[in-house]
């Protein structure tokens, strides 16, 4: 059975530093085991703080960044370079400072890309890119050592929103129309794809996330609270600050 761990840190700043250190160790271990590593990034304030912390840690140089594949869990369907794109955030906070192989940075398509304003075609394009990097013996997906997710106030993860049609989607990648959070058009990995990752990390900070985190960990339905429906093949990590963990049963918490 896969493990589920809940680790609670004192505040958002300590959480970001701890997740950054954890990520570096995970990538080092993955490369020691297979020679390469694959990470799926997310967006948001806490994610940006994690990326800046990775950038500033001397231990980052222990990772062979030229052998890291970088993917994204979801993206706002906006022009390339738009400040609201998760890719733009990650590049500014971390990626532009690393000696990454450009061919291994797999950004989700932008709205001014070859598919134009068609998010369905863009989602299909990203699915093909995933399939082109698929693990031997698998049909459609590469190896994700760690897949990072933020948790929305409503319990959404990536761009899978409660009661939204994408919550029922089984294709690897889906377009999202009518997102309850702006912008209304997005691209996202689906829950079945997310759940192929070796480890899934759900990272949340602040009191506004407490209700969603509590409901997810109490066993809410995955359509109503998508965060409740994600899990890693080997390990699921809930990485929280005290405020976000305030509605989690005390017996589940490991305070750091």
C-alpha atoms as a PDB file:
ATOM      1  CA  UNK A   1       0.000   0.000   0.000  1.00  0.00           C
ATOM      2  CA  UNK A   2       1.294   3.511  -0.783  1.00  0.00           C
ATOM      3  CA  UNK A   3       2.194   5.697   2.188  1.00  0.00           C
ATOM      4  CA  UNK A   4       0.380   8.888   3.126  1.00  0.00           C
ATOM      5  CA  UNK A   5       2.330  11.326   5.260  1.00  0.00           C
ATOM      6  CA  UNK A   6       1.298  14.642   6.768  1.00  0.00           C
ATOM      7  CA  UNK A   7       4.102  16.999   7.765  1.00  0.00           C
ATOM      8  CA  UNK A   8       3.231  20.316   9.391  1.00  0.00           C
ATOM      9  CA  UNK A   9       5.687  23.204   9.565  1.00  0.00           C
ATOM     10  CA  UNK A  10       5.437  26.287  11.715  1.00  0.00           C
ATOM     11  CA  UNK A  11       4.698  28.808   8.977  1.00  0.00           C
ATOM     12  CA  UNK A  12       4.702  29.326   5.223  1.00  0.00           C
ATOM     13  CA  UNK A  13       8.330  30.438   5.071  1.00  0.00           C
ATOM     14  CA  UNK A  14       9.624  27.361   6.887  1.00  0.00           C
ATOM     15  CA  UNK A  15       7.323  25.203   4.746  1.00  0.00           C
ATOM     16  CA  UNK A  16       8.812  26.578   1.534  1.00  0.00           C
ATOM     17  CA  UNK A  17      12.373  26.005   2.745  1.00  0.00           C
ATOM     18  CA  UNK A  18      11.562  22.462   3.848  1.00  0.00           C
ATOM     19  CA  UNK A  19       9.836  21.540   0.585  1.00  0.00           C
ATOM     20  CA  UNK A  20      12.793  22.933  -1.368  1.00  0.00           C
ATOM     21  CA  UNK A  21      15.250  20.793   0.594  1.00  0.00           C
ATOM     22  CA  UNK A  22      12.996  17.769   0.206  1.00  0.00           C
ATOM     23  CA  UNK A  23      12.782  18.314  -3.552  1.00  0.00           C
ATOM     24  CA  UNK A  24      16.550  18.494  -3.972  1.00  0.00           C
ATOM     25  CA  UNK A  25      17.010  15.243  -2.051  1.00  0.00           C
ATOM     26  CA  UNK A  26      14.286  13.550  -4.091  1.00  0.00           C
ATOM     27  CA  UNK A  27      15.902  14.548  -7.386  1.00  0.00           C
ATOM     28  CA  UNK A  28      19.348  13.403  -6.192  1.00  0.00           C
ATOM     29  CA  UNK A  29      17.941  10.039  -5.135  1.00  0.00           C
ATOM     30  CA  UNK A  30      16.067   9.602  -8.429  1.00  0.00           C
ATOM     31  CA  UNK A  31      19.204  10.290 -10.435  1.00  0.00           C
ATOM     32  CA  UNK A  32      21.192   7.885  -8.296  1.00  0.00           C
ATOM     33  CA  UNK A  33      18.626   5.189  -9.032  1.00  0.00           C
ATOM     34  CA  UNK A  34      17.982   5.821 -12.750  1.00  0.00           C
ATOM     35  CA  UNK A  35      20.368   8.499 -13.964  1.00  0.00           C
ATOM     36  CA  UNK A  36      17.588  11.011 -14.585  1.00  0.00           C
ATOM     37  CA  UNK A  37      14.656  12.588 -12.763  1.00  0.00           C
ATOM     38  CA  UNK A  38      11.237  13.911 -13.674  1.00  0.00           C
ATOM     39  CA  UNK A  39       9.379  16.614 -11.772  1.00  0.00           C
ATOM     40  CA  UNK A  40       5.941  18.119 -12.363  1.00  0.00           C
ATOM     41  CA  UNK A  41       5.642  21.737 -11.240  1.00  0.00           C
ATOM     42  CA  UNK A  42       2.663  23.708 -10.005  1.00  0.00           C
ATOM     43  CA  UNK A  43       1.894  27.402  -9.617  1.00  0.00           C
ATOM     44  CA  UNK A  44       0.897  29.790  -6.857  1.00  0.00           C
ATOM     45  CA  UNK A  45       2.515  31.810  -4.091  1.00  0.00           C
ATOM     46  CA  UNK A  46       3.815  28.895  -2.059  1.00  0.00           C
ATOM     47  CA  UNK A  47       5.203  27.197  -5.170  1.00  0.00           C
ATOM     48  CA  UNK A  48       7.064  30.362  -6.143  1.00  0.00           C
ATOM     49  CA  UNK A  49       8.559  30.535  -2.643  1.00  0.00           C
ATOM     50  CA  UNK A  50       9.664  26.895  -2.946  1.00  0.00           C
ATOM     51  CA  UNK A  51      11.314  27.565  -6.306  1.00  0.00           C
ATOM     52  CA  UNK A  52      13.181  30.588  -4.961  1.00  0.00           C
ATOM     53  CA  UNK A  53      14.332  28.511  -2.006  1.00  0.00           C
ATOM     54  CA  UNK A  54      15.651  25.776  -4.333  1.00  0.00           C
ATOM     55  CA  UNK A  55      17.491  28.430  -6.346  1.00  0.00           C
ATOM     56  CA  UNK A  56      19.158  29.801  -3.224  1.00  0.00           C
ATOM     57  CA  UNK A  57      20.195  26.493  -1.611  1.00  0.00           C
ATOM     58  CA  UNK A  58      23.851  25.539  -2.211  1.00  0.00           C
ATOM     59  CA  UNK A  59      22.768  21.888  -2.280  1.00  0.00           C
ATOM     60  CA  UNK A  60      21.022  22.511  -5.595  1.00  0.00           C
ATOM     61  CA  UNK A  61      24.405  21.939  -7.253  1.00  0.00           C
ATOM     62  CA  UNK A  62      24.282  18.284  -6.192  1.00  0.00           C
ATOM     63  CA  UNK A  63      21.547  17.759  -8.811  1.00  0.00           C
ATOM     64  CA  UNK A  64      22.561  17.157 -12.425  1.00  0.00           C
ATOM     65  CA  UNK A  65      19.997  19.593 -13.816  1.00  0.00           C
ATOM     66  CA  UNK A  66      20.846  18.651 -17.394  1.00  0.00           C
ATOM     67  CA  UNK A  67      19.191  15.293 -16.674  1.00  0.00           C
ATOM     68  CA  UNK A  68      15.983  16.587 -15.117  1.00  0.00           C
ATOM     69  CA  UNK A  69      12.742  16.594 -17.097  1.00  0.00           C
ATOM     70  CA  UNK A  70      10.441  19.439 -16.086  1.00  0.00           C
ATOM     71  CA  UNK A  71       6.702  19.168 -16.693  1.00  0.00           C
ATOM     72  CA  UNK A  72       3.691  21.144 -15.536  1.00  0.00           C
ATOM     73  CA  UNK A  73       0.493  19.954 -13.890  1.00  0.00           C
ATOM     74  CA  UNK A  74      -1.621  22.709 -15.361  1.00  0.00           C
ATOM     75  CA  UNK A  75      -1.382  26.008 -17.153  1.00  0.00           C
ATOM     76  CA  UNK A  76      -3.400  29.101 -17.839  1.00  0.00           C
ATOM     77  CA  UNK A  77      -4.065  29.219 -21.587  1.00  0.00           C
ATOM     78  CA  UNK A  78      -2.453  32.588 -22.175  1.00  0.00           C
ATOM     79  CA  UNK A  79       0.266  33.903 -24.505  1.00  0.00           C
ATOM     80  CA  UNK A  80       3.836  32.762 -23.910  1.00  0.00           C
ATOM     81  CA  UNK A  81       5.570  34.934 -21.340  1.00  0.00           C
ATOM     82  CA  UNK A  82       2.348  36.175 -19.769  1.00  0.00           C
ATOM     83  CA  UNK A  83       3.070  36.831 -16.077  1.00  0.00           C
ATOM     84  CA  UNK A  84       0.038  34.777 -15.066  1.00  0.00           C
ATOM     85  CA  UNK A  85       1.367  31.619 -16.677  1.00  0.00           C
ATOM     86  CA  UNK A  86       2.814  29.021 -14.301  1.00  0.00           C
ATOM     87  CA  UNK A  87       5.711  28.569 -16.716  1.00  0.00           C
ATOM     88  CA  UNK A  88       6.617  32.259 -16.491  1.00  0.00           C
ATOM     89  CA  UNK A  89       6.531  32.123 -12.694  1.00  0.00           C
ATOM     90  CA  UNK A  90       8.743  29.029 -12.554  1.00  0.00           C
ATOM     91  CA  UNK A  91      11.257  30.396 -15.039  1.00  0.00           C
ATOM     92  CA  UNK A  92      11.626  33.676 -13.169  1.00  0.00           C
ATOM     93  CA  UNK A  93      11.837  32.057  -9.734  1.00  0.00           C
ATOM     94  CA  UNK A  94      14.104  29.103 -10.594  1.00  0.00           C
ATOM     95  CA  UNK A  95      14.439  27.606 -14.036  1.00  0.00           C
ATOM     96  CA  UNK A  96      16.335  30.465 -15.689  1.00  0.00           C
ATOM     97  CA  UNK A  97      19.005  30.121 -12.990  1.00  0.00           C
ATOM     98  CA  UNK A  98      19.632  26.417 -13.617  1.00  0.00           C
ATOM     99  CA  UNK A  99      21.727  24.621 -16.273  1.00  0.00           C
ATOM    100  CA  UNK A 100      18.720  22.748 -17.621  1.00  0.00           C
ATOM    101  CA  UNK A 101      18.583  21.095 -21.030  1.00  0.00           C
ATOM    102  CA  UNK A 102      16.031  23.195 -22.961  1.00  0.00           C
ATOM    103  CA  UNK A 103      14.775  20.046 -24.676  1.00  0.00           C
ATOM    104  CA  UNK A 104      13.781  18.679 -21.278  1.00  0.00           C
ATOM    105  CA  UNK A 105      11.655  21.665 -20.271  1.00  0.00           C
ATOM    106  CA  UNK A 106       8.155  20.633 -21.300  1.00  0.00           C
ATOM    107  CA  UNK A 107       6.008  23.745 -21.001  1.00  0.00           C
ATOM    108  CA  UNK A 108       2.315  23.433 -21.745  1.00  0.00           C
ATOM    109  CA  UNK A 109       1.283  25.150 -24.996  1.00  0.00           C
ATOM    110  CA  UNK A 110       0.461  28.853 -24.980  1.00  0.00           C
ATOM    111  CA  UNK A 111      -2.522  30.507 -26.617  1.00  0.00           C
ATOM    112  CA  UNK A 112      -0.237  32.120 -29.219  1.00  0.00           C
ATOM    113  CA  UNK A 113       1.381  28.797 -30.077  1.00  0.00           C
ATOM    114  CA  UNK A 114       0.862  26.541 -33.107  1.00  0.00           C
ATOM    115  CA  UNK A 115      -2.634  25.562 -31.958  1.00  0.00           C
ATOM    116  CA  UNK A 116      -3.783  29.156 -31.748  1.00  0.00           C
ATOM    117  CA  UNK A 117      -6.794  29.699 -29.533  1.00  0.00           C
ATOM    118  CA  UNK A 118      -7.867  26.029 -29.505  1.00  0.00           C
ATOM    119  CA  UNK A 119      -7.217  24.628 -25.998  1.00  0.00           C
ATOM    120  CA  UNK A 120      -8.408  21.145 -26.972  1.00  0.00           C
ATOM    121  CA  UNK A 121      -5.753  20.944 -29.694  1.00  0.00           C
ATOM    122  CA  UNK A 122      -3.171  22.304 -27.248  1.00  0.00           C
ATOM    123  CA  UNK A 123      -4.115  19.668 -24.654  1.00  0.00           C
ATOM    124  CA  UNK A 124      -3.799  16.950 -27.285  1.00  0.00           C
ATOM    125  CA  UNK A 125      -0.381  18.326 -28.244  1.00  0.00           C
ATOM    126  CA  UNK A 126       0.812  18.067 -24.635  1.00  0.00           C
ATOM    127  CA  UNK A 127      -0.547  14.524 -24.409  1.00  0.00           C
ATOM    128  CA  UNK A 128       1.540  13.619 -27.448  1.00  0.00           C
ATOM    129  CA  UNK A 129       4.616  15.161 -25.836  1.00  0.00           C
ATOM    130  CA  UNK A 130       4.010  13.071 -22.719  1.00  0.00           C
ATOM    131  CA  UNK A 131       3.628   9.944 -24.852  1.00  0.00           C
ATOM    132  CA  UNK A 132       6.868  10.709 -26.718  1.00  0.00           C
ATOM    133  CA  UNK A 133       8.704  10.575 -23.375  1.00  0.00           C
ATOM    134  CA  UNK A 134       6.825   7.553 -22.068  1.00  0.00           C
ATOM    135  CA  UNK A 135       8.500   4.970 -19.901  1.00  0.00           C
ATOM    136  CA  UNK A 136       9.357   1.663 -21.613  1.00  0.00           C
ATOM    137  CA  UNK A 137       6.375  -0.640 -21.465  1.00  0.00           C
ATOM    138  CA  UNK A 138       3.858   2.126 -20.809  1.00  0.00           C
ATOM    139  CA  UNK A 139       1.406   3.594 -23.255  1.00  0.00           C
ATOM    140  CA  UNK A 140       1.323   7.306 -22.689  1.00  0.00           C
ATOM    141  CA  UNK A 141       3.251   8.759 -19.769  1.00  0.00           C
ATOM    142  CA  UNK A 142       6.835   9.399 -18.650  1.00  0.00           C
ATOM    143  CA  UNK A 143       8.122   8.671 -15.169  1.00  0.00           C
ATOM    144  CA  UNK A 144       7.235  11.412 -12.698  1.00  0.00           C
ATOM    145  CA  UNK A 145       9.400  11.108  -9.595  1.00  0.00           C
ATOM    146  CA  UNK A 146       7.528  13.871  -7.849  1.00  0.00           C
ATOM    147  CA  UNK A 147       4.422  15.799  -8.822  1.00  0.00           C
ATOM    148  CA  UNK A 148       3.754  18.967  -6.853  1.00  0.00           C
ATOM    149  CA  UNK A 149       0.257  20.349  -6.319  1.00  0.00           C
ATOM    150  CA  UNK A 150      -1.170  23.356  -4.612  1.00  0.00           C
ATOM    151  CA  UNK A 151      -4.575  23.014  -2.971  1.00  0.00           C
ATOM    152  CA  UNK A 152      -7.227  25.620  -3.710  1.00  0.00           C
ATOM    153  CA  UNK A 153      -9.637  27.028  -1.169  1.00  0.00           C
ATOM    154  CA  UNK A 154     -12.334  24.940  -2.859  1.00  0.00           C
ATOM    155  CA  UNK A 155     -10.171  21.795  -2.846  1.00  0.00           C
ATOM    156  CA  UNK A 156      -9.135  21.961  -6.488  1.00  0.00           C
ATOM    157  CA  UNK A 157      -5.761  20.646  -7.614  1.00  0.00           C
ATOM    158  CA  UNK A 158      -4.008  21.553 -10.870  1.00  0.00           C
ATOM    159  CA  UNK A 159      -7.002  22.895 -12.843  1.00  0.00           C
ATOM    160  CA  UNK A 160      -9.369  20.114 -11.779  1.00  0.00           C
ATOM    161  CA  UNK A 161     -12.204  21.974 -10.062  1.00  0.00           C
ATOM    162  CA  UNK A 162     -15.024  20.575  -7.912  1.00  0.00           C
ATOM    163  CA  UNK A 163     -18.011  19.300  -9.886  1.00  0.00           C
ATOM    164  CA  UNK A 164     -16.407  20.478 -13.140  1.00  0.00           C
ATOM    165  CA  UNK A 165     -16.526  18.134 -16.165  1.00  0.00           C
ATOM    166  CA  UNK A 166     -12.742  17.796 -16.037  1.00  0.00           C
ATOM    167  CA  UNK A 167     -13.113  16.019 -12.674  1.00  0.00           C
ATOM    168  CA  UNK A 168     -14.555  13.077 -14.640  1.00  0.00           C
ATOM    169  CA  UNK A 169     -11.981  13.206 -17.449  1.00  0.00           C
ATOM    170  CA  UNK A 170      -9.924  10.080 -18.194  1.00  0.00           C
ATOM    171  CA  UNK A 171      -7.702  11.345 -21.006  1.00  0.00           C
ATOM    172  CA  UNK A 172      -4.138  12.202 -19.911  1.00  0.00           C
ATOM    173  CA  UNK A 173      -4.523  15.928 -20.537  1.00  0.00           C
ATOM    174  CA  UNK A 174      -7.663  18.012 -20.804  1.00  0.00           C
ATOM    175  CA  UNK A 175      -8.681  21.492 -21.814  1.00  0.00           C
ATOM    176  CA  UNK A 176     -10.660  23.363 -19.175  1.00  0.00           C
ATOM    177  CA  UNK A 177     -13.345  25.826 -20.208  1.00  0.00           C
ATOM    178  CA  UNK A 178     -15.371  27.870 -17.768  1.00  0.00           C
ATOM    179  CA  UNK A 179     -12.860  27.673 -14.919  1.00  0.00           C
ATOM    180  CA  UNK A 180     -14.360  29.161 -11.741  1.00  0.00           C
ATOM    181  CA  UNK A 181     -11.046  30.977 -11.245  1.00  0.00           C
ATOM    182  CA  UNK A 182      -9.706  33.329 -13.904  1.00  0.00           C
ATOM    183  CA  UNK A 183      -8.619  32.918 -16.573  1.00  0.00           C
ATOM    184  CA  UNK A 184     -11.520  30.764 -17.742  1.00  0.00           C
ATOM    185  CA  UNK A 185      -9.525  28.642 -20.211  1.00  0.00           C
ATOM    186  CA  UNK A 186      -6.763  26.346 -19.006  1.00  0.00           C
ATOM    187  CA  UNK A 187      -4.977  23.062 -19.704  1.00  0.00           C
ATOM    188  CA  UNK A 188      -4.498  20.425 -17.019  1.00  0.00           C
ATOM    189  CA  UNK A 189      -3.242  16.954 -16.321  1.00  0.00           C
ATOM    190  CA  UNK A 190      -6.200  14.848 -15.275  1.00  0.00           C
ATOM    191  CA  UNK A 191      -6.541  12.973 -11.996  1.00  0.00           C
ATOM    192  CA  UNK A 192      -5.636   9.582 -13.552  1.00  0.00           C
ATOM    193  CA  UNK A 193      -2.428  11.113 -14.923  1.00  0.00           C
ATOM    194  CA  UNK A 194      -1.562  12.820 -11.640  1.00  0.00           C
ATOM    195  CA  UNK A 195      -1.971   9.496  -9.859  1.00  0.00           C
ATOM    196  CA  UNK A 196       0.759   7.836 -11.940  1.00  0.00           C
ATOM    197  CA  UNK A 197       3.467   9.877 -10.188  1.00  0.00           C
ATOM    198  CA  UNK A 198       5.795   8.022  -7.848  1.00  0.00           C
ATOM    199  CA  UNK A 199       5.186  10.692  -5.212  1.00  0.00           C
ATOM    200  CA  UNK A 200       2.455  13.335  -5.108  1.00  0.00           C
ATOM    201  CA  UNK A 201       3.099  16.333  -2.855  1.00  0.00           C
ATOM    202  CA  UNK A 202       0.179  18.515  -1.833  1.00  0.00           C
ATOM    203  CA  UNK A 203       1.597  21.796  -0.547  1.00  0.00           C
ATOM    204  CA  UNK A 204      -0.654  24.288   1.223  1.00  0.00           C
ATOM    205  CA  UNK A 205      -0.247  27.254   3.538  1.00  0.00           C
ATOM    206  CA  UNK A 206      -2.601  29.677   5.203  1.00  0.00           C
ATOM    207  CA  UNK A 207      -5.953  29.539   7.010  1.00  0.00           C
ATOM    208  CA  UNK A 208      -7.898  29.865   3.769  1.00  0.00           C
ATOM    209  CA  UNK A 209      -6.739  26.347   2.814  1.00  0.00           C
ATOM    210  CA  UNK A 210      -7.657  24.710   6.129  1.00  0.00           C
ATOM    211  CA  UNK A 211     -11.217  23.747   5.229  1.00  0.00           C
ATOM    212  CA  UNK A 212     -10.283  22.128   1.910  1.00  0.00           C
ATOM    213  CA  UNK A 213      -7.321  20.285   3.421  1.00  0.00           C
ATOM    214  CA  UNK A 214      -9.444  19.055   6.304  1.00  0.00           C
ATOM    215  CA  UNK A 215     -12.223  17.817   4.024  1.00  0.00           C
ATOM    216  CA  UNK A 216      -9.796  16.076   1.685  1.00  0.00           C
ATOM    217  CA  UNK A 217      -8.068  14.277   4.530  1.00  0.00           C
ATOM    218  CA  UNK A 218     -11.399  13.344   6.109  1.00  0.00           C
ATOM    219  CA  UNK A 219     -12.340  11.358   3.006  1.00  0.00           C
ATOM    220  CA  UNK A 220     -14.482  13.760   0.981  1.00  0.00           C
ATOM    221  CA  UNK A 221     -15.530  12.629  -2.487  1.00  0.00           C
ATOM    222  CA  UNK A 222     -12.959  13.318  -5.207  1.00  0.00           C
ATOM    223  CA  UNK A 223     -15.456  15.045  -7.478  1.00  0.00           C
ATOM    224  CA  UNK A 224     -16.560  17.377  -4.702  1.00  0.00           C
ATOM    225  CA  UNK A 225     -12.994  17.874  -3.383  1.00  0.00           C
ATOM    226  CA  UNK A 226     -10.488  16.887  -6.096  1.00  0.00           C
ATOM    227  CA  UNK A 227      -7.589  17.003  -3.623  1.00  0.00           C
ATOM    228  CA  UNK A 228      -9.152  13.962  -1.979  1.00  0.00           C
ATOM    229  CA  UNK A 229      -8.741  11.961  -5.178  1.00  0.00           C
ATOM    230  CA  UNK A 230      -5.003  12.282  -5.745  1.00  0.00           C
ATOM    231  CA  UNK A 231      -2.335   9.894  -4.518  1.00  0.00           C
ATOM    232  CA  UNK A 232       1.165   8.844  -5.441  1.00  0.00           C
ATOM    233  CA  UNK A 233       1.985   5.306  -6.517  1.00  0.00           C
ATOM    234  CA  UNK A 234       4.493   4.995  -3.662  1.00  0.00           C
ATOM    235  CA  UNK A 235       3.841   7.994  -1.429  1.00  0.00           C
ATOM    236  CA  UNK A 236       1.475  10.910  -0.931  1.00  0.00           C
ATOM    237  CA  UNK A 237       2.895  13.830   1.030  1.00  0.00           C
ATOM    238  CA  UNK A 238       0.724  16.517   2.596  1.00  0.00           C
ATOM    239  CA  UNK A 239       3.178  19.351   3.295  1.00  0.00           C
ATOM    240  CA  UNK A 240       1.428  22.063   5.293  1.00  0.00           C
ATOM    241  CA  UNK A 241       1.920  24.977   7.602  1.00  0.00           C
ATOM    242  CA  UNK A 242       0.083  25.113  10.919  1.00  0.00           C
ATOM    243  CA  UNK A 243      -2.680  27.340   9.604  1.00  0.00           C
ATOM    244  CA  UNK A 244      -3.494  25.041   6.672  1.00  0.00           C
ATOM    245  CA  UNK A 245      -3.378  22.001   8.975  1.00  0.00           C
ATOM    246  CA  UNK A 246      -5.707  23.436  11.600  1.00  0.00           C
ATOM    247  CA  UNK A 247      -8.633  21.198  10.578  1.00  0.00           C
ATOM    248  CA  UNK A 248      -6.574  18.015  10.153  1.00  0.00           C
ATOM    249  CA  UNK A 249      -7.022  15.420  12.894  1.00  0.00           C
ATOM    250  CA  UNK A 250      -4.085  15.810  15.359  1.00  0.00           C
ATOM    251  CA  UNK A 251      -3.215  12.123  15.190  1.00  0.00           C
ATOM    252  CA  UNK A 252      -2.358  12.526  11.497  1.00  0.00           C
ATOM    253  CA  UNK A 253       0.110  15.365  11.909  1.00  0.00           C
ATOM    254  CA  UNK A 254       3.893  15.296  12.205  1.00  0.00           C
ATOM    255  CA  UNK A 255       4.967  18.730  13.438  1.00  0.00           C
ATOM    256  CA  UNK A 256       8.327  20.086  12.262  1.00  0.00           C
END
